[in-house]
Amino acid sequence: MTRAYLDTCCVIYLIEEVPGFSDPMRNHLAANPDAILCVSPLVQLEALVKPLVDRDQALASDYRDFLAEQEWALIGDREFELATHLRAAHRLKTPDALHLAAAQNHGCSEFWTNDDRLNQAATAKSVNILARFEKAGPDP
């Protein structure tokens, strides 16, 4: 069974209607019905900022409900230590390094994202769920 860590962009594509992104993400999820989806507090932080800034309580609630149903990959000292090494070795941004560290330290076999740059750092666990689809806009 696949344990897949969801990068924040994937959660956004599942919850909101993002033309050119949401359908491929939902199709990928439908093609992997037995996947255990993992998220971290960092995913929650990143996903909730815009709904909270916009005072969109319904959307914030949709995110919270979805996230509550997933398996949580907590971020502690071990993840920060690994993230530090990933960031240094691959010149990643801090959030990307923390996402990858959470995924690796919590036994995720795949890292679902929309960012090919993370594949080398993810030791080939990265799955760009949109790679075969044309992008219709920028990564949120």
C-alpha atoms as a PDB file:
ATOM      1  CA  MET A   1       0.000   0.000   0.000  1.00  0.00           C
ATOM      2  CA  THR A   2       1.269   3.462  -0.923  1.00  0.00           C
ATOM      3  CA  ARG A   3       1.855   6.043   1.804  1.00  0.00           C
ATOM      4  CA  ALA A   4       1.828   9.346  -0.052  1.00  0.00           C
ATOM      5  CA  TYR A   5       2.767  12.669   1.483  1.00  0.00           C
ATOM      6  CA  LEU A   6       0.723  15.468  -0.068  1.00  0.00           C
ATOM      7  CA  ASP A   7       2.583  18.655  -0.871  1.00  0.00           C
ATOM      8  CA  THR A   8       0.419  21.684  -0.105  1.00  0.00           C
ATOM      9  CA  CYS A   9      -0.307  22.347  -3.764  1.00  0.00           C
ATOM     10  CA  CYS A  10      -1.967  18.920  -4.037  1.00  0.00           C
ATOM     11  CA  VAL A  11      -4.253  19.672  -1.107  1.00  0.00           C
ATOM     12  CA  ILE A  12      -5.211  22.990  -2.689  1.00  0.00           C
ATOM     13  CA  TYR A  13      -6.004  21.241  -5.969  1.00  0.00           C
ATOM     14  CA  LEU A  14      -8.226  18.751  -4.151  1.00  0.00           C
ATOM     15  CA  ILE A  15     -10.135  21.299  -2.081  1.00  0.00           C
ATOM     16  CA  GLU A  16     -10.455  24.216  -4.463  1.00  0.00           C
ATOM     17  CA  GLU A  17     -11.346  24.320  -8.135  1.00  0.00           C
ATOM     18  CA  VAL A  18      -8.078  25.253  -9.839  1.00  0.00           C
ATOM     19  CA  PRO A  19      -8.488  25.048 -13.633  1.00  0.00           C
ATOM     20  CA  GLY A  20      -5.972  22.706 -15.212  1.00  0.00           C
ATOM     21  CA  PHE A  21      -4.804  21.370 -11.846  1.00  0.00           C
ATOM     22  CA  SER A  22      -7.757  20.058  -9.831  1.00  0.00           C
ATOM     23  CA  ASP A  23      -9.027  17.483 -12.332  1.00  0.00           C
ATOM     24  CA  PRO A  24      -5.610  15.833 -12.845  1.00  0.00           C
ATOM     25  CA  MET A  25      -5.049  15.723  -9.080  1.00  0.00           C
ATOM     26  CA  ARG A  26      -8.472  14.205  -8.448  1.00  0.00           C
ATOM     27  CA  ASN A  27      -7.899  11.688 -11.255  1.00  0.00           C
ATOM     28  CA  HIS A  28      -4.555  10.710  -9.748  1.00  0.00           C
ATOM     29  CA  LEU A  29      -6.193  10.201  -6.372  1.00  0.00           C
ATOM     30  CA  ALA A  30      -8.999   8.149  -7.944  1.00  0.00           C
ATOM     31  CA  ALA A  31      -6.378   5.969  -9.650  1.00  0.00           C
ATOM     32  CA  ASN A  32      -4.786   5.297  -6.229  1.00  0.00           C
ATOM     33  CA  PRO A  33      -7.818   4.583  -4.027  1.00  0.00           C
ATOM     34  CA  ASP A  34      -5.871   2.589  -1.437  1.00  0.00           C
ATOM     35  CA  ALA A  35      -3.202   5.257  -0.901  1.00  0.00           C
ATOM     36  CA  ILE A  36      -2.744   6.441   2.663  1.00  0.00           C
ATOM     37  CA  LEU A  37      -2.502  10.220   2.434  1.00  0.00           C
ATOM     38  CA  CYS A  38      -0.160  11.983   4.825  1.00  0.00           C
ATOM     39  CA  VAL A  39       0.003  15.673   5.658  1.00  0.00           C
ATOM     40  CA  SER A  40       1.920  17.765   8.152  1.00  0.00           C
ATOM     41  CA  PRO A  41       1.262  20.868  10.218  1.00  0.00           C
ATOM     42  CA  LEU A  42       3.219  22.744   7.541  1.00  0.00           C
ATOM     43  CA  VAL A  43       0.624  21.721   4.939  1.00  0.00           C
ATOM     44  CA  GLN A  44      -2.072  23.043   7.248  1.00  0.00           C
ATOM     45  CA  LEU A  45      -0.201  26.314   7.781  1.00  0.00           C
ATOM     46  CA  GLU A  46       0.352  26.894   4.067  1.00  0.00           C
ATOM     47  CA  ALA A  47      -3.148  25.860   2.973  1.00  0.00           C
ATOM     48  CA  LEU A  48      -5.062  27.904   5.536  1.00  0.00           C
ATOM     49  CA  VAL A  49      -3.326  31.257   5.081  1.00  0.00           C
ATOM     50  CA  LYS A  50      -5.297  32.470   2.053  1.00  0.00           C
ATOM     51  CA  PRO A  51      -8.747  31.417   3.348  1.00  0.00           C
ATOM     52  CA  LEU A  52      -7.999  33.113   6.659  1.00  0.00           C
ATOM     53  CA  VAL A  53      -6.708  36.297   5.017  1.00  0.00           C
ATOM     54  CA  ASP A  54      -9.821  36.322   2.822  1.00  0.00           C
ATOM     55  CA  ARG A  55     -11.994  35.580   5.878  1.00  0.00           C
ATOM     56  CA  ASP A  56     -13.453  32.631   3.989  1.00  0.00           C
ATOM     57  CA  GLN A  57     -14.526  30.496   6.935  1.00  0.00           C
ATOM     58  CA  ALA A  58     -16.298  27.942   4.715  1.00  0.00           C
ATOM     59  CA  LEU A  59     -13.123  27.269   2.731  1.00  0.00           C
ATOM     60  CA  ALA A  60     -11.004  27.178   5.903  1.00  0.00           C
ATOM     61  CA  SER A  61     -13.467  24.644   7.312  1.00  0.00           C
ATOM     62  CA  ASP A  62     -13.218  22.533   4.137  1.00  0.00           C
ATOM     63  CA  TYR A  63      -9.434  22.444   4.537  1.00  0.00           C
ATOM     64  CA  ARG A  64      -9.627  21.570   8.233  1.00  0.00           C
ATOM     65  CA  ASP A  65     -12.152  18.788   7.567  1.00  0.00           C
ATOM     66  CA  PHE A  66     -10.009  17.279   4.799  1.00  0.00           C
ATOM     67  CA  LEU A  67      -6.784  17.516   6.789  1.00  0.00           C
ATOM     68  CA  ALA A  68      -8.396  15.958   9.869  1.00  0.00           C
ATOM     69  CA  GLU A  69      -9.145  12.815   7.857  1.00  0.00           C
ATOM     70  CA  GLN A  70      -5.528  12.285   6.771  1.00  0.00           C
ATOM     71  CA  GLU A  71      -2.599  10.704   8.560  1.00  0.00           C
ATOM     72  CA  TRP A  72      -0.399  13.312  10.215  1.00  0.00           C
ATOM     73  CA  ALA A  73       3.365  13.440   9.765  1.00  0.00           C
ATOM     74  CA  LEU A  74       4.394  15.621  12.674  1.00  0.00           C
ATOM     75  CA  ILE A  75       7.440  17.856  12.413  1.00  0.00           C
ATOM     76  CA  GLY A  76       9.818  17.704  15.349  1.00  0.00           C
ATOM     77  CA  ASP A  77      13.541  17.808  16.040  1.00  0.00           C
ATOM     78  CA  ARG A  78      14.295  14.793  13.784  1.00  0.00           C
ATOM     79  CA  GLU A  79      12.525  16.405  10.845  1.00  0.00           C
ATOM     80  CA  PHE A  80      14.292  19.735  11.360  1.00  0.00           C
ATOM     81  CA  GLU A  81      17.647  17.943  11.473  1.00  0.00           C
ATOM     82  CA  LEU A  82      16.942  16.068   8.234  1.00  0.00           C
ATOM     83  CA  ALA A  83      15.513  19.221   6.629  1.00  0.00           C
ATOM     84  CA  THR A  84      18.725  21.065   7.448  1.00  0.00           C
ATOM     85  CA  HIS A  85      20.762  18.414   5.629  1.00  0.00           C
ATOM     86  CA  LEU A  86      18.337  18.277   2.682  1.00  0.00           C
ATOM     87  CA  ARG A  87      18.394  22.046   2.376  1.00  0.00           C
ATOM     88  CA  ALA A  88      22.193  22.155   2.428  1.00  0.00           C
ATOM     89  CA  ALA A  89      22.666  19.235   0.041  1.00  0.00           C
ATOM     90  CA  HIS A  90      20.010  20.244  -2.495  1.00  0.00           C
ATOM     91  CA  ARG A  91      19.702  24.009  -1.934  1.00  0.00           C
ATOM     92  CA  LEU A  92      15.999  23.664  -1.166  1.00  0.00           C
ATOM     93  CA  LYS A  93      13.774  26.304   0.329  1.00  0.00           C
ATOM     94  CA  THR A  94      13.033  25.706   4.000  1.00  0.00           C
ATOM     95  CA  PRO A  95       9.378  24.655   3.503  1.00  0.00           C
ATOM     96  CA  ASP A  96      10.302  22.161   0.758  1.00  0.00           C
ATOM     97  CA  ALA A  97      13.034  20.662   2.936  1.00  0.00           C
ATOM     98  CA  LEU A  98      10.614  20.335   5.867  1.00  0.00           C
ATOM     99  CA  HIS A  99       7.954  18.687   3.687  1.00  0.00           C
ATOM    100  CA  LEU A 100      10.465  16.152   2.389  1.00  0.00           C
ATOM    101  CA  ALA A 101      11.868  15.478   5.843  1.00  0.00           C
ATOM    102  CA  ALA A 102       8.390  14.877   7.243  1.00  0.00           C
ATOM    103  CA  ALA A 103       7.603  12.498   4.391  1.00  0.00           C
ATOM    104  CA  GLN A 104      10.865  10.572   4.740  1.00  0.00           C
ATOM    105  CA  ASN A 105      10.821  10.310   8.527  1.00  0.00           C
ATOM    106  CA  HIS A 106       7.222   9.107   8.548  1.00  0.00           C
ATOM    107  CA  GLY A 107       7.715   6.276   6.072  1.00  0.00           C
ATOM    108  CA  CYS A 108       6.038   7.764   3.027  1.00  0.00           C
ATOM    109  CA  SER A 109       6.860   5.817  -0.118  1.00  0.00           C
ATOM    110  CA  GLU A 110       5.805   8.685  -2.396  1.00  0.00           C
ATOM    111  CA  PHE A 111       5.818  12.470  -2.285  1.00  0.00           C
ATOM    112  CA  TRP A 112       2.974  13.874  -4.408  1.00  0.00           C
ATOM    113  CA  THR A 113       3.729  17.328  -5.711  1.00  0.00           C
ATOM    114  CA  ASN A 114       3.697  19.578  -8.746  1.00  0.00           C
ATOM    115  CA  ASP A 115       7.413  20.366  -8.502  1.00  0.00           C
ATOM    116  CA  ASP A 116       9.961  18.339 -10.476  1.00  0.00           C
ATOM    117  CA  ARG A 117      12.803  20.090  -8.618  1.00  0.00           C
ATOM    118  CA  LEU A 118      12.083  17.987  -5.534  1.00  0.00           C
ATOM    119  CA  ASN A 119      12.659  14.613  -7.195  1.00  0.00           C
ATOM    120  CA  GLN A 120      16.422  14.425  -6.656  1.00  0.00           C
ATOM    121  CA  ALA A 121      16.128  15.449  -3.018  1.00  0.00           C
ATOM    122  CA  ALA A 122      13.224  13.033  -2.524  1.00  0.00           C
ATOM    123  CA  THR A 123      15.423  10.146  -3.681  1.00  0.00           C
ATOM    124  CA  ALA A 124      13.070   9.409  -6.601  1.00  0.00           C
ATOM    125  CA  LYS A 125      10.014   9.198  -4.335  1.00  0.00           C
ATOM    126  CA  SER A 126       8.615  12.396  -5.809  1.00  0.00           C
ATOM    127  CA  VAL A 127       5.601  11.911  -8.059  1.00  0.00           C
ATOM    128  CA  ASN A 128       4.674  14.971 -10.095  1.00  0.00           C
ATOM    129  CA  ILE A 129       0.985  14.226 -10.417  1.00  0.00           C
ATOM    130  CA  LEU A 130       0.598  16.850 -13.154  1.00  0.00           C
ATOM    131  CA  ALA A 131       3.629  15.983 -15.265  1.00  0.00           C
ATOM    132  CA  ARG A 132       1.573  14.497 -18.101  1.00  0.00           C
ATOM    133  CA  PHE A 133      -0.980  17.311 -18.133  1.00  0.00           C
ATOM    134  CA  GLU A 134      -0.534  20.796 -19.513  1.00  0.00           C
ATOM    135  CA  LYS A 135      -0.501  23.418 -16.829  1.00  0.00           C
ATOM    136  CA  ALA A 136      -3.083  26.131 -17.188  1.00  0.00           C
ATOM    137  CA  GLY A 137      -1.616  28.549 -14.677  1.00  0.00           C
ATOM    138  CA  PRO A 138       0.975  29.223 -11.974  1.00  0.00           C
ATOM    139  CA  ASP A 139       1.519  27.007  -8.957  1.00  0.00           C
ATOM    140  CA  PRO A 140      -0.551  28.494  -6.085  1.00  0.00           C
END
